[in-house]
Amino acid sequence: MYKAHLTVYTLVLAAFLTVAILTSYRPGDPPAGRVDALPQVIEPVSLNKAFDFAGEPLPMDNFDVRERLDRELTVNSYWHSSTVLQIKRTARYFPVIEPILADQGVPDDLKFLAVAESGLEHAVSPAGARGIWQFMERTGKSYDLEINDEVDERYHLEKSTLAFCIHIKKLKERFGSWTLAAAAYNMGEAGLAKEMERQSMTSYYDLNLSDETMRYVFRVVAAKEIVTEPRKFGFYLEPEEGYNPLHRDYMEIEVDTPIHRLGEFALAQGTTYRMLKIYNPWLRTSSLSNPNGKTYTIKLPAAHSPVPTQGSSPQDSSATRSGD
């Protein structure tokens, strides 16, 4: 009988402690020490604030707008693995993207289109869009990005970001707002113009578009909110947990001759083929034939020092070093 009472008591105590732990946590509360487990309490995200995109306010008095934003904030708040990785990648890519946007007069919020487009990965869409900004080949070439079997500058962060700035400013000039420019970036300017005329509407929030474009701006705003204030949404990452910012420590060399074997070239520069591809994802194959003698700037980890060129293949010996 004593053992039976003890068992019941133990079960009641365990249940009480479980309820106490679960009900004591509130999303956004700082964890006690380092928390490696996900929170067990799921609460709706708060919409009790003003939201904007590139300085353009969202009409939060519209219940449809509130519900569409609520959906994207909720999905991204509780899509833990994907959102954590995106936050980590911002440490690598945003320091490169931000000054280019500022120099081109593009609002800083537009960097979050890259999060919505690719998750800050060198992604390939089913339609063939590629890179951080997800350019189609025709669009990329129209902004002087080199795209062929060996080189694809849609994967070149600086060059593709500049192309993005030129393109998005063109869309802003046509449609009159950054919000509509973002929608046009997603669905195409001809398609958006057609729908605006057909529906007799001039606001993105009043248009009835495809599900992807209807969600698009809200996905961008949700990314902005979560990345800017991750702890508010339950993501506790220390600054050093962001991915290595490649822009800090690298060296550049210029080549204007063919490189028949990029693996040998990398070794001659004191690095590896893998590191060469990480720093230069626009190099798409294992060689660079360069039939026109174009000058390419190749990045290498600064921690590595090139070895003497004696014994290197002739096509590698003309490489010259330059600083960043």
C-alpha atoms as a PDB file:
ATOM      1  CA  MET A   1       0.000   0.000   0.000  1.00  0.00           C
ATOM      2  CA  TYR A   2       2.873   2.360   0.828  1.00  0.00           C
ATOM      3  CA  LYS A   3       4.470   1.711  -2.572  1.00  0.00           C
ATOM      4  CA  ALA A   4       1.165   2.375  -4.350  1.00  0.00           C
ATOM      5  CA  HIS A   5       0.725   5.719  -2.572  1.00  0.00           C
ATOM      6  CA  LEU A   6       4.330   6.613  -3.390  1.00  0.00           C
ATOM      7  CA  THR A   7       3.807   5.817  -7.067  1.00  0.00           C
ATOM      8  CA  VAL A   8       0.665   7.975  -7.259  1.00  0.00           C
ATOM      9  CA  TYR A   9       2.446  10.810  -5.447  1.00  0.00           C
ATOM     10  CA  THR A  10       5.396  10.605  -7.845  1.00  0.00           C
ATOM     11  CA  LEU A  11       3.122  10.736 -10.896  1.00  0.00           C
ATOM     12  CA  VAL A  12       1.174  13.709  -9.540  1.00  0.00           C
ATOM     13  CA  LEU A  13       4.387  15.554  -8.705  1.00  0.00           C
ATOM     14  CA  ALA A  14       5.814  14.887 -12.189  1.00  0.00           C
ATOM     15  CA  ALA A  15       2.620  16.123 -13.833  1.00  0.00           C
ATOM     16  CA  PHE A  16       2.620  19.255 -11.660  1.00  0.00           C
ATOM     17  CA  LEU A  17       6.235  20.058 -12.525  1.00  0.00           C
ATOM     18  CA  THR A  18       5.601  19.520 -16.245  1.00  0.00           C
ATOM     19  CA  VAL A  19       2.661  21.915 -16.234  1.00  0.00           C
ATOM     20  CA  ALA A  20       4.638  24.456 -14.220  1.00  0.00           C
ATOM     21  CA  ILE A  21       7.562  24.372 -16.641  1.00  0.00           C
ATOM     22  CA  LEU A  22       5.425  24.629 -19.743  1.00  0.00           C
ATOM     23  CA  THR A  23       3.237  27.435 -18.470  1.00  0.00           C
ATOM     24  CA  SER A  24       6.149  29.441 -17.100  1.00  0.00           C
ATOM     25  CA  TYR A  25       7.784  29.968 -20.513  1.00  0.00           C
ATOM     26  CA  ARG A  26       6.735  32.925 -22.615  1.00  0.00           C
ATOM     27  CA  PRO A  27       8.089  33.404 -26.163  1.00  0.00           C
ATOM     28  CA  GLY A  28      10.656  36.169 -26.112  1.00  0.00           C
ATOM     29  CA  ASP A  29      11.664  35.526 -22.484  1.00  0.00           C
ATOM     30  CA  PRO A  30      15.424  35.100 -22.131  1.00  0.00           C
ATOM     31  CA  PRO A  31      16.318  31.483 -21.380  1.00  0.00           C
ATOM     32  CA  ALA A  32      18.053  30.510 -18.169  1.00  0.00           C
ATOM     33  CA  GLY A  33      21.573  30.024 -19.485  1.00  0.00           C
ATOM     34  CA  ARG A  34      22.071  28.516 -22.927  1.00  0.00           C
ATOM     35  CA  VAL A  35      18.943  26.823 -24.267  1.00  0.00           C
ATOM     36  CA  ASP A  36      19.607  24.052 -26.746  1.00  0.00           C
ATOM     37  CA  ALA A  37      16.030  22.788 -26.908  1.00  0.00           C
ATOM     38  CA  LEU A  38      13.187  24.464 -28.730  1.00  0.00           C
ATOM     39  CA  PRO A  39      10.464  26.120 -26.638  1.00  0.00           C
ATOM     40  CA  GLN A  40       7.505  23.887 -25.901  1.00  0.00           C
ATOM     41  CA  VAL A  41       4.873  26.621 -25.787  1.00  0.00           C
ATOM     42  CA  ILE A  42       3.425  27.826 -29.072  1.00  0.00           C
ATOM     43  CA  GLU A  43       1.791  31.240 -29.029  1.00  0.00           C
ATOM     44  CA  PRO A  44       0.482  33.502 -31.787  1.00  0.00           C
ATOM     45  CA  VAL A  45       2.928  36.158 -32.930  1.00  0.00           C
ATOM     46  CA  SER A  46       2.102  39.695 -31.920  1.00  0.00           C
ATOM     47  CA  LEU A  47       0.769  42.111 -34.526  1.00  0.00           C
ATOM     48  CA  ASN A  48       0.469  44.991 -32.070  1.00  0.00           C
ATOM     49  CA  LYS A  49       2.887  47.347 -33.779  1.00  0.00           C
ATOM     50  CA  ALA A  50       3.296  49.266 -36.996  1.00  0.00           C
ATOM     51  CA  PHE A  51       4.884  47.356 -39.861  1.00  0.00           C
ATOM     52  CA  ASP A  52       6.493  48.793 -42.957  1.00  0.00           C
ATOM     53  CA  PHE A  53       8.425  47.753 -46.018  1.00  0.00           C
ATOM     54  CA  ALA A  54      11.132  50.156 -47.194  1.00  0.00           C
ATOM     55  CA  GLY A  55       9.398  52.961 -45.321  1.00  0.00           C
ATOM     56  CA  GLU A  56       6.004  52.181 -46.855  1.00  0.00           C
ATOM     57  CA  PRO A  57       3.495  51.289 -44.102  1.00  0.00           C
ATOM     58  CA  LEU A  58       1.391  48.161 -44.226  1.00  0.00           C
ATOM     59  CA  PRO A  59      -2.338  48.976 -43.854  1.00  0.00           C
ATOM     60  CA  MET A  60      -2.782  47.001 -40.652  1.00  0.00           C
ATOM     61  CA  ASP A  61      -6.384  48.176 -40.264  1.00  0.00           C
ATOM     62  CA  ASN A  62      -7.203  45.836 -43.153  1.00  0.00           C
ATOM     63  CA  PHE A  63      -8.051  42.401 -41.708  1.00  0.00           C
ATOM     64  CA  ASP A  64      -6.856  40.665 -44.870  1.00  0.00           C
ATOM     65  CA  VAL A  65      -3.439  42.327 -44.565  1.00  0.00           C
ATOM     66  CA  ARG A  66      -3.209  41.375 -40.892  1.00  0.00           C
ATOM     67  CA  GLU A  67      -4.043  37.744 -41.621  1.00  0.00           C
ATOM     68  CA  ARG A  68      -1.581  37.488 -44.513  1.00  0.00           C
ATOM     69  CA  LEU A  69       1.222  38.946 -42.395  1.00  0.00           C
ATOM     70  CA  ASP A  70       0.225  36.738 -39.467  1.00  0.00           C
ATOM     71  CA  ARG A  71       0.578  33.679 -41.692  1.00  0.00           C
ATOM     72  CA  GLU A  72       4.117  34.505 -42.768  1.00  0.00           C
ATOM     73  CA  LEU A  73       5.312  35.534 -39.323  1.00  0.00           C
ATOM     74  CA  THR A  74       3.848  32.350 -37.848  1.00  0.00           C
ATOM     75  CA  VAL A  75       5.273  30.059 -40.529  1.00  0.00           C
ATOM     76  CA  ASN A  76       8.755  31.533 -40.264  1.00  0.00           C
ATOM     77  CA  SER A  77       8.710  31.787 -36.454  1.00  0.00           C
ATOM     78  CA  TYR A  78       8.045  28.075 -36.042  1.00  0.00           C
ATOM     79  CA  TRP A  79       9.903  26.774 -39.080  1.00  0.00           C
ATOM     80  CA  HIS A  80      12.876  26.491 -36.799  1.00  0.00           C
ATOM     81  CA  SER A  81      15.668  24.802 -38.749  1.00  0.00           C
ATOM     82  CA  SER A  82      15.220  26.869 -41.902  1.00  0.00           C
ATOM     83  CA  THR A  83      14.904  30.172 -40.043  1.00  0.00           C
ATOM     84  CA  VAL A  84      17.953  29.517 -37.836  1.00  0.00           C
ATOM     85  CA  LEU A  85      20.062  28.791 -40.922  1.00  0.00           C
ATOM     86  CA  GLN A  86      18.842  31.942 -42.643  1.00  0.00           C
ATOM     87  CA  ILE A  87      19.752  34.050 -39.617  1.00  0.00           C
ATOM     88  CA  LYS A  88      23.235  32.487 -39.575  1.00  0.00           C
ATOM     89  CA  ARG A  89      23.732  33.183 -43.295  1.00  0.00           C
ATOM     90  CA  THR A  90      22.986  36.892 -42.883  1.00  0.00           C
ATOM     91  CA  ALA A  91      26.376  37.260 -41.170  1.00  0.00           C
ATOM     92  CA  ARG A  92      28.058  36.093 -44.382  1.00  0.00           C
ATOM     93  CA  TYR A  93      26.039  37.889 -47.028  1.00  0.00           C
ATOM     94  CA  PHE A  94      24.449  41.038 -45.594  1.00  0.00           C
ATOM     95  CA  PRO A  95      27.768  42.862 -44.955  1.00  0.00           C
ATOM     96  CA  VAL A  96      28.444  42.584 -48.700  1.00  0.00           C
ATOM     97  CA  ILE A  97      24.902  43.381 -49.859  1.00  0.00           C
ATOM     98  CA  GLU A  98      24.215  46.364 -47.561  1.00  0.00           C
ATOM     99  CA  PRO A  99      26.860  48.812 -48.832  1.00  0.00           C
ATOM    100  CA  ILE A 100      25.988  48.062 -52.460  1.00  0.00           C
ATOM    101  CA  LEU A 101      22.312  48.829 -51.817  1.00  0.00           C
ATOM    102  CA  ALA A 102      23.244  52.017 -49.973  1.00  0.00           C
ATOM    103  CA  ASP A 103      25.583  53.137 -52.747  1.00  0.00           C
ATOM    104  CA  GLN A 104      22.856  52.526 -55.332  1.00  0.00           C
ATOM    105  CA  GLY A 105      20.156  54.369 -53.372  1.00  0.00           C
ATOM    106  CA  VAL A 106      18.126  51.243 -52.696  1.00  0.00           C
ATOM    107  CA  PRO A 107      16.453  50.960 -49.242  1.00  0.00           C
ATOM    108  CA  ASP A 108      18.152  48.552 -46.861  1.00  0.00           C
ATOM    109  CA  ASP A 109      14.921  46.556 -46.458  1.00  0.00           C
ATOM    110  CA  LEU A 110      15.350  45.294 -50.007  1.00  0.00           C
ATOM    111  CA  LYS A 111      18.126  42.966 -48.814  1.00  0.00           C
ATOM    112  CA  PHE A 112      15.396  40.774 -47.338  1.00  0.00           C
ATOM    113  CA  LEU A 113      14.196  39.953 -50.843  1.00  0.00           C
ATOM    114  CA  ALA A 114      17.282  37.743 -51.022  1.00  0.00           C
ATOM    115  CA  VAL A 115      16.028  35.839 -47.969  1.00  0.00           C
ATOM    116  CA  ALA A 116      12.599  35.356 -49.539  1.00  0.00           C
ATOM    117  CA  GLU A 117      14.063  34.459 -52.930  1.00  0.00           C
ATOM    118  CA  SER A 118      16.756  31.957 -52.019  1.00  0.00           C
ATOM    119  CA  GLY A 119      17.064  31.672 -48.248  1.00  0.00           C
ATOM    120  CA  LEU A 120      20.540  33.186 -48.831  1.00  0.00           C
ATOM    121  CA  GLU A 121      21.686  30.078 -50.667  1.00  0.00           C
ATOM    122  CA  HIS A 122      23.054  29.606 -54.157  1.00  0.00           C
ATOM    123  CA  ALA A 123      19.754  28.068 -55.105  1.00  0.00           C
ATOM    124  CA  VAL A 124      18.351  26.859 -58.424  1.00  0.00           C
ATOM    125  CA  SER A 125      14.605  27.165 -58.975  1.00  0.00           C
ATOM    126  CA  PRO A 126      12.556  24.680 -61.020  1.00  0.00           C
ATOM    127  CA  ALA A 127      12.254  27.410 -63.672  1.00  0.00           C
ATOM    128  CA  GLY A 128      16.036  27.836 -63.863  1.00  0.00           C
ATOM    129  CA  ALA A 129      16.487  30.999 -61.770  1.00  0.00           C
ATOM    130  CA  ARG A 130      19.842  30.934 -60.000  1.00  0.00           C
ATOM    131  CA  GLY A 131      21.878  32.562 -57.270  1.00  0.00           C
ATOM    132  CA  ILE A 132      21.085  34.593 -54.184  1.00  0.00           C
ATOM    133  CA  TRP A 133      18.815  36.941 -56.179  1.00  0.00           C
ATOM    134  CA  GLN A 134      17.300  34.213 -58.376  1.00  0.00           C
ATOM    135  CA  PHE A 135      17.878  35.765 -61.781  1.00  0.00           C
ATOM    136  CA  MET A 136      16.680  34.000 -64.884  1.00  0.00           C
ATOM    137  CA  GLU A 137      19.362  33.704 -67.555  1.00  0.00           C
ATOM    138  CA  ARG A 138      17.755  36.232 -69.887  1.00  0.00           C
ATOM    139  CA  THR A 139      17.383  38.829 -67.125  1.00  0.00           C
ATOM    140  CA  GLY A 140      20.915  38.273 -65.872  1.00  0.00           C
ATOM    141  CA  LYS A 141      22.405  38.746 -69.309  1.00  0.00           C
ATOM    142  CA  SER A 142      20.369  41.923 -69.803  1.00  0.00           C
ATOM    143  CA  TYR A 143      22.336  43.391 -66.875  1.00  0.00           C
ATOM    144  CA  ASP A 144      25.709  42.274 -68.273  1.00  0.00           C
ATOM    145  CA  LEU A 145      26.140  39.217 -66.085  1.00  0.00           C
ATOM    146  CA  GLU A 146      28.298  36.656 -67.860  1.00  0.00           C
ATOM    147  CA  ILE A 147      26.465  33.341 -68.120  1.00  0.00           C
ATOM    148  CA  ASN A 148      27.891  30.362 -69.982  1.00  0.00           C
ATOM    149  CA  ASP A 149      28.980  26.774 -69.351  1.00  0.00           C
ATOM    150  CA  GLU A 150      32.007  27.780 -67.248  1.00  0.00           C
ATOM    151  CA  VAL A 151      31.050  31.128 -65.716  1.00  0.00           C
ATOM    152  CA  ASP A 152      27.731  32.143 -64.194  1.00  0.00           C
ATOM    153  CA  GLU A 153      27.822  35.552 -62.546  1.00  0.00           C
ATOM    154  CA  ARG A 154      24.356  35.104 -61.105  1.00  0.00           C
ATOM    155  CA  TYR A 155      26.392  33.390 -58.380  1.00  0.00           C
ATOM    156  CA  HIS A 156      28.760  36.375 -58.070  1.00  0.00           C
ATOM    157  CA  LEU A 157      27.452  38.184 -55.011  1.00  0.00           C
ATOM    158  CA  GLU A 158      28.758  41.679 -55.744  1.00  0.00           C
ATOM    159  CA  LYS A 159      27.910  41.674 -59.451  1.00  0.00           C
ATOM    160  CA  SER A 160      24.482  40.092 -59.034  1.00  0.00           C
ATOM    161  CA  THR A 161      23.615  42.489 -56.200  1.00  0.00           C
ATOM    162  CA  LEU A 162      24.485  45.444 -58.417  1.00  0.00           C
ATOM    163  CA  ALA A 163      22.310  43.953 -61.166  1.00  0.00           C
ATOM    164  CA  PHE A 164      19.514  43.549 -58.633  1.00  0.00           C
ATOM    165  CA  CYS A 165      19.769  47.217 -57.658  1.00  0.00           C
ATOM    166  CA  ILE A 166      19.532  48.389 -61.258  1.00  0.00           C
ATOM    167  CA  HIS A 167      16.582  46.089 -61.911  1.00  0.00           C
ATOM    168  CA  ILE A 168      14.603  46.931 -58.772  1.00  0.00           C
ATOM    169  CA  LYS A 169      15.068  50.674 -59.323  1.00  0.00           C
ATOM    170  CA  LYS A 170      13.695  50.245 -62.837  1.00  0.00           C
ATOM    171  CA  LEU A 171      10.639  48.492 -61.377  1.00  0.00           C
ATOM    172  CA  LYS A 172      10.220  51.195 -58.736  1.00  0.00           C
ATOM    173  CA  GLU A 173      10.287  53.872 -61.426  1.00  0.00           C
ATOM    174  CA  ARG A 174       7.590  52.069 -63.407  1.00  0.00           C
ATOM    175  CA  PHE A 175       5.210  51.145 -60.573  1.00  0.00           C
ATOM    176  CA  GLY A 176       5.801  53.996 -58.128  1.00  0.00           C
ATOM    177  CA  SER A 177       6.457  52.098 -54.889  1.00  0.00           C
ATOM    178  CA  TRP A 178       8.979  49.649 -53.504  1.00  0.00           C
ATOM    179  CA  THR A 179       6.127  47.345 -52.518  1.00  0.00           C
ATOM    180  CA  LEU A 180       4.865  47.045 -56.088  1.00  0.00           C
ATOM    181  CA  ALA A 181       8.462  46.815 -57.325  1.00  0.00           C
ATOM    182  CA  ALA A 182       8.953  43.786 -55.065  1.00  0.00           C
ATOM    183  CA  ALA A 183       5.749  42.205 -56.382  1.00  0.00           C
ATOM    184  CA  ALA A 184       6.902  42.813 -59.957  1.00  0.00           C
ATOM    185  CA  TYR A 185      10.289  41.302 -59.130  1.00  0.00           C
ATOM    186  CA  ASN A 186       8.480  38.157 -58.063  1.00  0.00           C
ATOM    187  CA  MET A 187       5.896  37.785 -60.843  1.00  0.00           C
ATOM    188  CA  GLY A 188       7.312  39.878 -63.683  1.00  0.00           C
ATOM    189  CA  GLU A 189       6.544  43.464 -64.560  1.00  0.00           C
ATOM    190  CA  ALA A 190       4.329  42.662 -67.549  1.00  0.00           C
ATOM    191  CA  GLY A 191       2.192  40.308 -65.490  1.00  0.00           C
ATOM    192  CA  LEU A 192       1.788  42.795 -62.656  1.00  0.00           C
ATOM    193  CA  ALA A 193       0.936  45.651 -65.014  1.00  0.00           C
ATOM    194  CA  LYS A 194      -1.701  43.492 -66.684  1.00  0.00           C
ATOM    195  CA  GLU A 195      -3.327  42.569 -63.374  1.00  0.00           C
ATOM    196  CA  MET A 196      -3.321  46.156 -62.123  1.00  0.00           C
ATOM    197  CA  GLU A 197      -5.108  47.277 -65.268  1.00  0.00           C
ATOM    198  CA  ARG A 198      -7.543  44.348 -65.240  1.00  0.00           C
ATOM    199  CA  GLN A 199      -8.477  44.850 -61.575  1.00  0.00           C
ATOM    200  CA  SER A 200      -8.351  48.670 -61.661  1.00  0.00           C
ATOM    201  CA  MET A 201      -6.163  48.690 -58.542  1.00  0.00           C
ATOM    202  CA  THR A 202      -2.938  50.524 -57.762  1.00  0.00           C
ATOM    203  CA  SER A 203      -2.061  49.055 -54.346  1.00  0.00           C
ATOM    204  CA  TYR A 204      -0.367  45.695 -53.868  1.00  0.00           C
ATOM    205  CA  TYR A 205      -2.564  45.050 -50.838  1.00  0.00           C
ATOM    206  CA  ASP A 206      -5.762  45.387 -52.896  1.00  0.00           C
ATOM    207  CA  LEU A 207      -4.676  43.147 -55.755  1.00  0.00           C
ATOM    208  CA  ASN A 208      -5.719  39.520 -56.157  1.00  0.00           C
ATOM    209  CA  LEU A 209      -2.662  37.772 -57.569  1.00  0.00           C
ATOM    210  CA  SER A 210      -1.133  34.301 -57.590  1.00  0.00           C
ATOM    211  CA  ASP A 211      -0.677  32.721 -54.179  1.00  0.00           C
ATOM    212  CA  GLU A 212       3.102  33.093 -54.391  1.00  0.00           C
ATOM    213  CA  THR A 213       2.980  36.821 -55.158  1.00  0.00           C
ATOM    214  CA  MET A 214       0.168  37.410 -52.650  1.00  0.00           C
ATOM    215  CA  ARG A 215       2.496  36.039 -49.981  1.00  0.00           C
ATOM    216  CA  TYR A 216       5.719  37.533 -51.303  1.00  0.00           C
ATOM    217  CA  VAL A 217       5.886  40.972 -49.675  1.00  0.00           C
ATOM    218  CA  PHE A 218       4.619  39.519 -46.397  1.00  0.00           C
ATOM    219  CA  ARG A 219       7.361  36.887 -46.500  1.00  0.00           C
ATOM    220  CA  VAL A 220       9.907  39.673 -46.958  1.00  0.00           C
ATOM    221  CA  VAL A 221       8.446  41.673 -44.046  1.00  0.00           C
ATOM    222  CA  ALA A 222       8.403  38.547 -41.871  1.00  0.00           C
ATOM    223  CA  ALA A 223      12.071  37.873 -42.704  1.00  0.00           C
ATOM    224  CA  LYS A 224      12.910  41.455 -41.795  1.00  0.00           C
ATOM    225  CA  GLU A 225      11.117  41.231 -38.438  1.00  0.00           C
ATOM    226  CA  ILE A 226      12.617  37.904 -37.421  1.00  0.00           C
ATOM    227  CA  VAL A 227      16.185  38.579 -38.558  1.00  0.00           C
ATOM    228  CA  THR A 228      16.173  42.060 -37.005  1.00  0.00           C
ATOM    229  CA  GLU A 229      14.790  40.926 -33.640  1.00  0.00           C
ATOM    230  CA  PRO A 230      15.344  37.160 -33.482  1.00  0.00           C
ATOM    231  CA  ARG A 231      14.971  36.862 -29.693  1.00  0.00           C
ATOM    232  CA  LYS A 232      11.521  38.368 -29.888  1.00  0.00           C
ATOM    233  CA  PHE A 233      10.573  35.261 -31.859  1.00  0.00           C
ATOM    234  CA  GLY A 234      12.460  32.758 -29.710  1.00  0.00           C
ATOM    235  CA  PHE A 235      15.739  32.510 -31.661  1.00  0.00           C
ATOM    236  CA  TYR A 236      18.760  32.893 -29.384  1.00  0.00           C
ATOM    237  CA  LEU A 237      21.925  33.068 -31.467  1.00  0.00           C
ATOM    238  CA  GLU A 238      25.188  34.612 -30.389  1.00  0.00           C
ATOM    239  CA  PRO A 239      27.037  36.830 -32.899  1.00  0.00           C
ATOM    240  CA  GLU A 240      29.852  34.310 -33.276  1.00  0.00           C
ATOM    241  CA  GLU A 241      27.352  31.656 -34.355  1.00  0.00           C
ATOM    242  CA  GLY A 242      26.749  33.421 -37.649  1.00  0.00           C
ATOM    243  CA  TYR A 243      28.487  31.907 -40.660  1.00  0.00           C
ATOM    244  CA  ASN A 244      31.993  32.999 -41.538  1.00  0.00           C
ATOM    245  CA  PRO A 245      31.836  36.407 -43.286  1.00  0.00           C
ATOM    246  CA  LEU A 246      34.015  35.734 -46.314  1.00  0.00           C
ATOM    247  CA  HIS A 247      34.353  39.435 -47.135  1.00  0.00           C
ATOM    248  CA  ARG A 248      36.685  40.087 -44.197  1.00  0.00           C
ATOM    249  CA  ASP A 249      39.771  38.061 -44.933  1.00  0.00           C
ATOM    250  CA  TYR A 250      40.548  37.321 -48.530  1.00  0.00           C
ATOM    251  CA  MET A 251      43.041  38.171 -51.198  1.00  0.00           C
ATOM    252  CA  GLU A 252      42.418  38.739 -54.899  1.00  0.00           C
ATOM    253  CA  ILE A 253      44.388  37.695 -57.938  1.00  0.00           C
ATOM    254  CA  GLU A 254      43.734  38.631 -61.541  1.00  0.00           C
ATOM    255  CA  VAL A 255      43.984  36.124 -64.369  1.00  0.00           C
ATOM    256  CA  ASP A 256      43.702  36.856 -68.090  1.00  0.00           C
ATOM    257  CA  THR A 257      44.782  33.502 -69.495  1.00  0.00           C
ATOM    258  CA  PRO A 258      43.152  30.053 -69.526  1.00  0.00           C
ATOM    259  CA  ILE A 259      43.183  27.878 -66.412  1.00  0.00           C
ATOM    260  CA  HIS A 260      42.848  24.327 -67.620  1.00  0.00           C
ATOM    261  CA  ARG A 261      42.796  22.722 -64.169  1.00  0.00           C
ATOM    262  CA  LEU A 262      41.368  24.809 -61.344  1.00  0.00           C
ATOM    263  CA  GLY A 263      42.424  22.157 -58.838  1.00  0.00           C
ATOM    264  CA  GLU A 264      46.105  22.610 -59.715  1.00  0.00           C
ATOM    265  CA  PHE A 265      45.637  26.371 -59.832  1.00  0.00           C
ATOM    266  CA  ALA A 266      44.182  26.353 -56.309  1.00  0.00           C
ATOM    267  CA  LEU A 267      47.085  24.318 -54.954  1.00  0.00           C
ATOM    268  CA  ALA A 268      49.548  26.702 -56.592  1.00  0.00           C
ATOM    269  CA  GLN A 269      47.862  29.542 -54.736  1.00  0.00           C
ATOM    270  CA  GLY A 270      48.163  27.762 -51.392  1.00  0.00           C
ATOM    271  CA  THR A 271      44.523  26.738 -51.071  1.00  0.00           C
ATOM    272  CA  THR A 272      42.187  23.945 -52.138  1.00  0.00           C
ATOM    273  CA  TYR A 273      39.718  23.417 -54.939  1.00  0.00           C
ATOM    274  CA  ARG A 274      36.923  23.393 -52.360  1.00  0.00           C
ATOM    275  CA  MET A 275      37.939  26.795 -50.937  1.00  0.00           C
ATOM    276  CA  LEU A 276      38.302  28.189 -54.452  1.00  0.00           C
ATOM    277  CA  LYS A 277      34.689  27.250 -55.188  1.00  0.00           C
ATOM    278  CA  ILE A 278      33.400  28.596 -51.864  1.00  0.00           C
ATOM    279  CA  TYR A 279      34.981  31.997 -52.494  1.00  0.00           C
ATOM    280  CA  ASN A 280      34.110  31.973 -56.207  1.00  0.00           C
ATOM    281  CA  PRO A 281      30.805  30.139 -56.728  1.00  0.00           C
ATOM    282  CA  TRP A 282      30.512  31.777 -60.150  1.00  0.00           C
ATOM    283  CA  LEU A 283      33.192  29.366 -61.416  1.00  0.00           C
ATOM    284  CA  ARG A 284      30.893  26.541 -62.449  1.00  0.00           C
ATOM    285  CA  THR A 285      33.252  23.862 -63.776  1.00  0.00           C
ATOM    286  CA  SER A 286      36.783  22.598 -63.110  1.00  0.00           C
ATOM    287  CA  SER A 287      38.386  24.868 -65.725  1.00  0.00           C
ATOM    288  CA  LEU A 288      38.300  28.399 -67.122  1.00  0.00           C
ATOM    289  CA  SER A 289      39.052  28.346 -70.834  1.00  0.00           C
ATOM    290  CA  ASN A 290      38.842  32.152 -71.244  1.00  0.00           C
ATOM    291  CA  PRO A 291      39.087  32.190 -75.055  1.00  0.00           C
ATOM    292  CA  ASN A 292      38.819  35.990 -75.258  1.00  0.00           C
ATOM    293  CA  GLY A 293      41.560  36.788 -72.754  1.00  0.00           C
ATOM    294  CA  LYS A 294      39.162  38.463 -70.331  1.00  0.00           C
ATOM    295  CA  THR A 295      40.556  39.560 -66.975  1.00  0.00           C
ATOM    296  CA  TYR A 296      38.872  37.749 -64.082  1.00  0.00           C
ATOM    297  CA  THR A 297      39.290  38.631 -60.413  1.00  0.00           C
ATOM    298  CA  ILE A 298      39.456  35.520 -58.269  1.00  0.00           C
ATOM    299  CA  LYS A 299      39.172  35.552 -54.480  1.00  0.00           C
ATOM    300  CA  LEU A 300      41.242  33.323 -52.226  1.00  0.00           C
ATOM    301  CA  PRO A 301      41.318  32.878 -48.449  1.00  0.00           C
ATOM    302  CA  ALA A 302      43.802  35.348 -47.004  1.00  0.00           C
ATOM    303  CA  ALA A 303      45.117  32.706 -44.617  1.00  0.00           C
ATOM    304  CA  HIS A 304      46.733  30.953 -47.556  1.00  0.00           C
ATOM    305  CA  SER A 305      49.801  32.248 -49.355  1.00  0.00           C
ATOM    306  CA  PRO A 306      50.539  31.429 -52.989  1.00  0.00           C
ATOM    307  CA  VAL A 307      53.454  29.099 -53.578  1.00  0.00           C
ATOM    308  CA  PRO A 308      56.163  29.954 -56.140  1.00  0.00           C
ATOM    309  CA  THR A 309      54.956  29.556 -59.691  1.00  0.00           C
ATOM    310  CA  GLN A 310      57.978  27.476 -60.856  1.00  0.00           C
ATOM    311  CA  GLY A 311      56.664  24.178 -62.072  1.00  0.00           C
ATOM    312  CA  SER A 312      53.109  25.476 -62.388  1.00  0.00           C
ATOM    313  CA  SER A 313      51.322  25.022 -65.668  1.00  0.00           C
ATOM    314  CA  PRO A 314      51.905  27.910 -68.122  1.00  0.00           C
ATOM    315  CA  GLN A 315      48.322  29.065 -68.006  1.00  0.00           C
ATOM    316  CA  ASP A 316      48.621  29.731 -64.273  1.00  0.00           C
ATOM    317  CA  SER A 317      51.826  31.739 -64.231  1.00  0.00           C
ATOM    318  CA  SER A 318      50.318  35.053 -65.364  1.00  0.00           C
ATOM    319  CA  ALA A 319      48.128  35.394 -62.303  1.00  0.00           C
ATOM    320  CA  THR A 320      48.846  38.560 -60.347  1.00  0.00           C
ATOM    321  CA  ARG A 321      47.972  39.368 -56.769  1.00  0.00           C
ATOM    322  CA  SER A 322      45.960  42.342 -55.646  1.00  0.00           C
ATOM    323  CA  GLY A 323      44.623  43.431 -52.288  1.00  0.00           C
ATOM    324  CA  ASP A 324      41.002  43.762 -51.289  1.00  0.00           C
END
